[in-house]
Amino acid sequence: MHHNSAVQLVDRMCSSGLAERIPAEDDKRSVLIGLTANSERMLESLAKVHVEAMLAHEPLLAESLSRLRQVTELA
């Protein structure tokens, strides 16, 4: 990702209340990016949905992993 793209992404996240800029203590030229409490809740919710979807498709996922193992053993 290019610097300008990263800055624009962080700008949008900050504007949406999902991230905050934290000045670095040791280097005034640097800024750390932190998640807000709102974004942490959102991330936790999305992760839960993702795990539930994976578990709902567990047989297909297991079969896919088995096939991947076979393909890598052939290489």
C-alpha atoms as a PDB file:
ATOM      1  CA  MET A   1       0.000   0.000   0.000  1.00  0.00           C
ATOM      2  CA  HIS A   2       1.310   3.422  -0.864  1.00  0.00           C
ATOM      3  CA  HIS A   3       1.731   6.068   1.837  1.00  0.00           C
ATOM      4  CA  ASN A   4      -1.043   8.296   0.474  1.00  0.00           C
ATOM      5  CA  SER A   5      -3.472   5.380   0.306  1.00  0.00           C
ATOM      6  CA  ALA A   6      -2.707   4.437   3.901  1.00  0.00           C
ATOM      7  CA  VAL A   7      -3.204   8.022   5.070  1.00  0.00           C
ATOM      8  CA  GLN A   8      -6.544   8.245   3.253  1.00  0.00           C
ATOM      9  CA  LEU A   9      -7.683   4.962   4.775  1.00  0.00           C
ATOM     10  CA  VAL A  10      -6.757   6.118   8.278  1.00  0.00           C
ATOM     11  CA  ASP A  11      -8.462   9.476   7.635  1.00  0.00           C
ATOM     12  CA  ARG A  12     -11.683   7.667   6.711  1.00  0.00           C
ATOM     13  CA  MET A  13     -11.432   5.357   9.720  1.00  0.00           C
ATOM     14  CA  CYS A  14     -10.876   8.313  12.058  1.00  0.00           C
ATOM     15  CA  SER A  15     -13.785  10.230  10.519  1.00  0.00           C
ATOM     16  CA  SER A  16     -15.998   7.190  11.074  1.00  0.00           C
ATOM     17  CA  GLY A  17     -14.937   6.848  14.688  1.00  0.00           C
ATOM     18  CA  LEU A  18     -13.186   3.525  14.082  1.00  0.00           C
ATOM     19  CA  ALA A  19      -9.597   4.645  14.692  1.00  0.00           C
ATOM     20  CA  GLU A  20      -7.653   7.336  16.457  1.00  0.00           C
ATOM     21  CA  ARG A  21      -4.226   8.833  15.915  1.00  0.00           C
ATOM     22  CA  ILE A  22      -1.890   8.640  18.902  1.00  0.00           C
ATOM     23  CA  PRO A  23       1.288  10.743  18.787  1.00  0.00           C
ATOM     24  CA  ALA A  24       4.395   8.604  19.255  1.00  0.00           C
ATOM     25  CA  GLU A  25       6.242   9.474  22.454  1.00  0.00           C
ATOM     26  CA  ASP A  26       9.741   8.758  21.145  1.00  0.00           C
ATOM     27  CA  ASP A  27       9.454  10.212  17.634  1.00  0.00           C
ATOM     28  CA  LYS A  28       7.321  13.300  17.057  1.00  0.00           C
ATOM     29  CA  ARG A  29       7.286  12.582  13.309  1.00  0.00           C
ATOM     30  CA  SER A  30       5.454   9.293  13.890  1.00  0.00           C
ATOM     31  CA  VAL A  31       1.839   8.617  14.719  1.00  0.00           C
ATOM     32  CA  LEU A  32       0.409   5.383  16.036  1.00  0.00           C
ATOM     33  CA  ILE A  33      -3.050   4.252  14.953  1.00  0.00           C
ATOM     34  CA  GLY A  34      -5.323   2.729  17.553  1.00  0.00           C
ATOM     35  CA  LEU A  35      -8.740   1.143  17.342  1.00  0.00           C
ATOM     36  CA  THR A  36     -11.568   2.821  19.200  1.00  0.00           C
ATOM     37  CA  ALA A  37     -13.838   0.895  21.561  1.00  0.00           C
ATOM     38  CA  ASN A  38     -16.526   1.040  18.874  1.00  0.00           C
ATOM     39  CA  SER A  39     -14.276  -0.552  16.256  1.00  0.00           C
ATOM     40  CA  GLU A  40     -13.144  -3.238  18.706  1.00  0.00           C
ATOM     41  CA  ARG A  41     -16.782  -4.163  19.337  1.00  0.00           C
ATOM     42  CA  MET A  42     -17.419  -4.219  15.595  1.00  0.00           C
ATOM     43  CA  LEU A  43     -14.356  -6.391  14.966  1.00  0.00           C
ATOM     44  CA  GLU A  44     -15.428  -8.806  17.714  1.00  0.00           C
ATOM     45  CA  SER A  45     -18.910  -9.035  16.197  1.00  0.00           C
ATOM     46  CA  LEU A  46     -17.535  -9.643  12.700  1.00  0.00           C
ATOM     47  CA  ALA A  47     -15.136 -12.290  13.994  1.00  0.00           C
ATOM     48  CA  LYS A  48     -18.034 -14.097  15.688  1.00  0.00           C
ATOM     49  CA  VAL A  49     -20.044 -14.105  12.454  1.00  0.00           C
ATOM     50  CA  HIS A  50     -16.987 -15.339  10.548  1.00  0.00           C
ATOM     51  CA  VAL A  51     -16.375 -18.234  12.966  1.00  0.00           C
ATOM     52  CA  GLU A  52     -20.054 -19.199  12.890  1.00  0.00           C
ATOM     53  CA  ALA A  53     -19.958 -19.287   9.081  1.00  0.00           C
ATOM     54  CA  MET A  54     -16.801 -21.409   9.115  1.00  0.00           C
ATOM     55  CA  LEU A  55     -18.363 -23.850  11.572  1.00  0.00           C
ATOM     56  CA  ALA A  56     -21.523 -24.038   9.464  1.00  0.00           C
ATOM     57  CA  HIS A  57     -19.345 -25.103   6.535  1.00  0.00           C
ATOM     58  CA  GLU A  58     -17.006 -27.288   8.575  1.00  0.00           C
ATOM     59  CA  PRO A  59     -17.366 -30.435   6.418  1.00  0.00           C
ATOM     60  CA  LEU A  60     -16.588 -28.512   3.230  1.00  0.00           C
ATOM     61  CA  LEU A  61     -13.679 -26.749   4.920  1.00  0.00           C
ATOM     62  CA  ALA A  62     -12.257 -30.063   6.179  1.00  0.00           C
ATOM     63  CA  GLU A  63     -12.539 -31.568   2.695  1.00  0.00           C
ATOM     64  CA  SER A  64     -10.843 -28.547   1.139  1.00  0.00           C
ATOM     65  CA  LEU A  65      -7.987 -28.735   3.633  1.00  0.00           C
ATOM     66  CA  SER A  66      -7.591 -32.442   2.964  1.00  0.00           C
ATOM     67  CA  ARG A  67      -7.375 -31.814  -0.778  1.00  0.00           C
ATOM     68  CA  LEU A  68      -4.880 -29.013  -0.211  1.00  0.00           C
ATOM     69  CA  ARG A  69      -2.742 -31.373   1.827  1.00  0.00           C
ATOM     70  CA  GLN A  70      -2.839 -33.916  -1.008  1.00  0.00           C
ATOM     71  CA  VAL A  71      -1.853 -31.316  -3.587  1.00  0.00           C
ATOM     72  CA  THR A  72       1.090 -30.078  -1.533  1.00  0.00           C
ATOM     73  CA  GLU A  73       2.303 -33.636  -0.942  1.00  0.00           C
ATOM     74  CA  LEU A  74       2.347 -34.209  -4.712  1.00  0.00           C
ATOM     75  CA  ALA A  75       4.483 -31.155  -5.355  1.00  0.00           C
END
